[in-house]
Structure formats: C-alpha cells, structure tokens
C-alpha cells in the first residue's frame, strides 16, 4: 500500500536501533530519536502518521518475539 511506503522504509532503517534495559539487555522499545532523525533525513511529509505506524509495527514484532521466547 502506498500509505505504508514511508513507514516501511523508515522502519527498515531503524528497527535495530533499540532501547534496552536490565542485566539481560532486554529490548523495551525502538529509539524514537532515531526514527525522527531518519524521517527528517528522508523528507517524510506526514511524520506523525508515519511515526505511529512505525511504533505500532515495532511493538507488534516485539510482542511476537517475546511470545516465541516464552
């Protein structure tokens, strides 16, 4: 879908830029500043919508990964 193009591109660039916590360095979130910087760099027009799609996608996959790990 055309409306997902920017979000998919920025997500692919940022998905490994994460925030970790605890002794096990558990991934808790994506680095929002990195997402913002990449949206600026690539000239994303509707940054709010793109940001929301990226965060939603990231948390979807994070949840799936946690389910697999148990």
Protein backbone atom coordinates (compact mmCIF):
# COMPACT_ATOMS: atom_id res chain seq x y z
CA UNK A 1 0.00 0.00 0.00
CA UNK A 2 1.23 3.43 -0.90
CA UNK A 3 0.42 4.92 2.52
CA UNK A 4 2.77 2.39 4.18
CA UNK A 5 5.77 3.08 1.96
CA UNK A 6 7.43 5.75 4.12
CA UNK A 7 6.72 3.86 7.34
CA UNK A 8 8.11 0.61 5.93
CA UNK A 9 11.25 2.30 4.66
CA UNK A 10 11.97 4.16 7.91
CA UNK A 11 11.13 1.06 9.96
CA UNK A 12 13.67 -0.99 8.00
CA UNK A 13 16.33 1.63 8.63
CA UNK A 14 15.62 1.95 12.37
CA UNK A 15 14.42 -1.44 13.57
CA UNK A 16 17.77 -2.37 15.14
CA UNK A 17 18.16 0.98 16.89
CA UNK A 18 16.57 -0.03 20.17
CA UNK A 19 16.46 0.83 23.85
CA UNK A 20 17.38 -1.98 26.21
CA UNK A 21 17.09 -2.44 29.97
CA UNK A 22 18.13 -4.78 32.73
CA UNK A 23 21.00 -7.18 33.12
CA UNK A 24 19.83 -9.19 30.12
CA UNK A 25 19.65 -6.05 27.94
CA UNK A 26 16.04 -6.81 27.10
CA UNK A 27 14.68 -4.77 24.20
CA UNK A 28 11.95 -2.48 25.53
CA UNK A 29 11.39 -0.01 22.69
CA UNK A 30 12.66 1.46 19.46
CA UNK A 31 14.77 4.60 19.70
CA UNK A 32 12.29 7.39 18.93
CA UNK A 33 15.02 9.94 18.24
CA UNK A 34 16.50 7.72 15.55
CA UNK A 35 13.07 7.36 13.94
CA UNK A 36 12.60 11.13 13.99
CA UNK A 37 16.04 11.78 12.55
CA UNK A 38 15.50 9.34 9.69
CA UNK A 39 12.07 10.79 8.89
CA UNK A 40 13.70 14.24 8.67
CA UNK A 41 16.58 12.92 6.58
CA UNK A 42 14.26 11.21 4.09
CA UNK A 43 11.77 14.09 3.97
CA UNK A 44 8.72 12.26 5.28
CA UNK A 45 5.80 14.69 5.00
CA UNK A 46 3.26 13.24 7.44
CA UNK A 47 5.66 12.40 10.23
CA UNK A 48 3.01 11.89 12.90
CA UNK A 49 1.20 9.21 10.88
CA UNK A 50 4.47 7.59 9.85
CA UNK A 51 5.73 7.57 13.44
CA UNK A 52 2.54 5.94 14.71
CA UNK A 53 2.77 3.22 12.04
CA UNK A 54 6.41 2.53 12.87
CA UNK A 55 5.77 2.30 16.61
CA UNK A 56 2.77 0.04 16.07
CA UNK A 57 4.76 -2.23 13.78
CA UNK A 58 7.74 -2.36 16.13
CA UNK A 59 5.61 -3.29 19.14
CA UNK A 60 3.75 -5.91 17.11
CA UNK A 61 7.00 -7.68 16.24
CA UNK A 62 8.42 -7.20 19.74
CA UNK A 63 5.34 -8.89 21.19
CA UNK A 64 5.67 -11.77 18.73
CA UNK A 65 9.34 -12.19 19.59
CA UNK A 66 8.56 -12.29 23.31
CA UNK A 67 5.85 -14.91 22.72
CA UNK A 68 8.33 -17.12 20.86
CA UNK A 69 10.93 -16.79 23.61
CA UNK A 70 8.35 -17.63 26.24
